[in-house]
Amino acid sequence: MKNSTKLIYGIIGLSSFYIYFNRNPNREIQQGIISPTDGFIEKIENNRIDIFIGLLDVHYQRAPISGTIINIQDFPSENKNIIIIESPTITITVERRSGILARSIRTFISIGDYIEKGTIIGRILLGSHTAIYPIYNPTVEVGNRILSGQTIGN
């Protein structure tokens, strides 16, 4: 195989992975408090659900409830971002952590915005972790594979 053919195949392969990695598929938004991201339930403890985002998971995050953004905090030294959403019945915190390599968390909303449940709130590039709390009545268990938009609590 010629070097130019190998280069073309390499470019096509990398381009395909880039497109796949950056996908943002439509999701059915279920009832209750929904998962903000795709991944595996890593831990459920102290009314907090930790979700591991794998390399091949969708890296966009969605609002777990409808409500007003009352706070956004960035912690660059910890590769962490916290978004607090308040509804008339509950206040939910979404904590996002980026991986060691990418260290990039993008937020698409601002303090004071009213957002509907399921709205895209941001993206973690090569993300590794999202947590949501408080969840008093989780409907998932450790090890479950979940998709954003899926019910994780009542």
Protein backbone atom coordinates (compact mmCIF):
# COMPACT_ATOMS: atom_id res chain seq x y z
CA MET A 1 0.00 0.00 0.00
CA LYS A 2 1.32 3.43 -0.92
CA ASN A 3 2.11 5.98 1.75
CA SER A 4 -0.50 8.37 0.34
CA THR A 5 -3.18 5.66 0.65
CA LYS A 6 -2.17 4.99 4.26
CA LEU A 7 -2.37 8.72 4.97
CA ILE A 8 -5.85 8.94 3.45
CA TYR A 9 -7.05 5.93 5.49
CA GLY A 10 -5.53 7.47 8.61
CA ILE A 11 -7.26 10.81 8.00
CA ILE A 12 -10.58 9.05 7.34
CA GLY A 13 -10.18 6.98 10.52
CA LEU A 14 -9.33 9.97 12.71
CA SER A 15 -12.12 12.04 11.15
CA SER A 16 -14.63 9.24 11.76
CA PHE A 17 -13.56 8.95 15.41
CA TYR A 18 -13.80 12.74 15.83
CA ILE A 19 -17.34 12.80 14.42
CA TYR A 20 -18.36 9.82 16.57
CA PHE A 21 -16.78 11.29 19.70
CA ASN A 22 -18.54 14.65 19.21
CA ARG A 23 -22.00 13.23 18.53
CA ASN A 24 -25.02 14.56 20.38
CA PRO A 25 -27.95 12.21 19.69
CA ASN A 26 -31.56 13.07 20.49
CA ARG A 27 -32.70 11.44 23.71
CA GLU A 28 -36.09 10.60 25.13
CA ILE A 29 -36.48 12.69 28.28
CA GLN A 30 -38.15 10.53 30.92
CA GLN A 31 -40.10 11.41 34.09
CA GLY A 32 -38.54 12.31 37.45
CA ILE A 33 -34.95 13.43 37.86
CA ILE A 34 -32.97 12.39 34.80
CA SER A 35 -29.35 11.45 34.31
CA PRO A 36 -27.31 14.41 33.14
CA THR A 37 -24.96 12.19 31.13
CA ASP A 38 -24.24 8.82 29.59
CA GLY A 39 -22.10 6.36 31.52
CA PHE A 40 -21.98 3.78 34.29
CA ILE A 41 -23.22 4.31 37.83
CA GLU A 42 -19.97 4.25 39.73
CA LYS A 43 -21.20 5.00 43.25
CA ILE A 44 -24.38 5.85 45.14
CA GLU A 45 -23.66 7.31 48.56
CA ASN A 46 -25.03 10.10 50.78
CA ASN A 47 -27.83 10.98 48.31
CA ARG A 48 -25.22 11.42 45.56
CA ILE A 49 -24.92 9.47 42.31
CA ASP A 50 -21.50 9.34 40.65
CA ILE A 51 -21.44 8.52 36.94
CA PHE A 52 -18.30 7.43 35.09
CA ILE A 53 -18.19 8.71 31.50
CA GLY A 54 -16.27 6.33 29.24
CA LEU A 55 -14.27 7.38 26.20
CA LEU A 56 -17.01 6.15 23.83
CA ASP A 57 -19.92 7.72 25.77
CA VAL A 58 -21.63 10.94 24.69
CA HIS A 59 -19.84 13.79 26.50
CA TYR A 60 -22.68 16.34 26.57
CA GLN A 61 -24.58 16.92 29.82
CA ARG A 62 -28.29 17.70 30.16
CA ALA A 63 -30.31 19.45 32.85
CA PRO A 64 -31.67 16.79 35.25
CA ILE A 65 -34.67 18.99 36.17
CA SER A 66 -36.41 22.10 34.87
CA GLY A 67 -35.46 25.19 36.83
CA THR A 68 -33.35 28.29 37.19
CA ILE A 69 -29.54 28.23 37.21
CA ILE A 70 -28.71 29.80 40.57
CA ASN A 71 -24.97 29.19 40.62
CA ILE A 72 -22.09 28.09 38.41
CA GLN A 73 -18.67 27.57 39.96
CA ASP A 74 -15.45 26.68 38.17
CA PHE A 75 -12.51 25.08 39.95
CA PRO A 76 -9.76 24.97 37.27
CA SER A 77 -7.10 23.61 39.61
CA GLU A 78 -9.38 20.62 40.32
CA ASN A 79 -10.67 20.25 36.72
CA LYS A 80 -14.15 20.69 38.20
CA ASN A 81 -17.33 22.66 37.51
CA ILE A 82 -20.50 22.82 39.62
CA ILE A 83 -23.93 23.88 38.33
CA ILE A 84 -26.84 24.38 40.74
CA ILE A 85 -30.39 24.25 39.37
CA GLU A 86 -33.37 25.29 41.49
CA SER A 87 -36.98 24.31 40.84
CA PRO A 88 -39.99 25.07 43.08
CA THR A 89 -39.66 21.62 44.71
CA ILE A 90 -35.94 20.75 44.73
CA THR A 91 -32.46 22.14 44.19
CA ILE A 92 -30.07 19.85 42.30
CA THR A 93 -26.30 20.13 41.94
CA VAL A 94 -24.50 18.75 38.89
CA GLU A 95 -20.76 18.35 39.43
CA ARG A 96 -18.62 17.76 36.37
CA ARG A 97 -14.95 16.71 36.33
CA SER A 98 -12.74 16.55 33.29
CA GLY A 99 -10.09 13.95 32.64
CA ILE A 100 -6.40 14.48 33.24
CA LEU A 101 -5.62 14.79 29.51
CA ALA A 102 -8.27 17.20 28.25
CA ARG A 103 -8.96 19.41 31.26
CA SER A 104 -11.73 21.17 29.40
CA ILE A 105 -15.26 21.70 30.66
CA ARG A 106 -17.59 23.83 28.58
CA THR A 107 -20.75 25.35 30.02
CA PHE A 108 -23.53 26.50 27.68
CA ILE A 109 -25.80 28.18 30.25
CA SER A 110 -25.52 31.20 32.57
CA ILE A 111 -26.64 32.12 36.07
CA GLY A 112 -30.26 33.26 35.97
CA ASP A 113 -31.20 31.17 32.91
CA TYR A 114 -34.40 29.13 33.14
CA ILE A 115 -33.89 25.76 31.47
CA GLU A 116 -36.17 22.84 30.69
CA LYS A 117 -35.29 19.34 31.83
CA GLY A 118 -33.16 17.69 29.15
CA THR A 119 -31.63 20.94 27.85
CA ILE A 120 -27.94 20.64 27.00
CA ILE A 121 -26.05 22.45 29.78
CA GLY A 122 -22.47 21.71 28.73
CA ARG A 123 -19.83 19.30 27.59
CA ILE A 124 -16.74 17.70 29.07
CA LEU A 125 -13.98 17.06 26.56
CA LEU A 126 -12.63 13.59 27.25
CA GLY A 127 -14.66 13.73 30.44
CA SER A 128 -14.45 11.14 33.10
CA HIS A 129 -16.99 11.93 35.79
CA THR A 130 -20.32 13.57 36.56
CA ALA A 131 -22.10 13.56 39.92
CA ILE A 132 -25.64 14.63 40.77
CA TYR A 133 -27.05 15.33 44.22
CA PRO A 134 -29.20 15.18 46.24
CA ILE A 135 -31.07 12.14 44.93
CA TYR A 136 -33.17 10.83 47.80
CA ASN A 137 -34.92 8.00 45.93
CA PRO A 138 -32.52 6.63 43.29
CA THR A 139 -34.03 4.34 40.67
CA VAL A 140 -30.64 3.02 39.49
CA GLU A 141 -27.99 0.80 41.06
CA VAL A 142 -24.21 0.73 41.02
CA GLY A 143 -23.00 -0.80 37.77
CA ASN A 144 -26.05 0.21 35.71
CA ARG A 145 -25.36 1.62 32.26
CA ILE A 146 -27.42 4.77 31.73
CA LEU A 147 -28.08 7.35 29.06
CA SER A 148 -28.70 11.05 29.53
CA GLY A 149 -32.42 11.65 29.79
CA GLN A 150 -33.06 8.39 31.63
CA THR A 151 -34.80 8.56 35.02
CA ILE A 152 -32.36 8.10 37.91
CA GLY A 153 -34.49 9.36 40.81
CA ASN A 154 -37.93 10.48 41.93
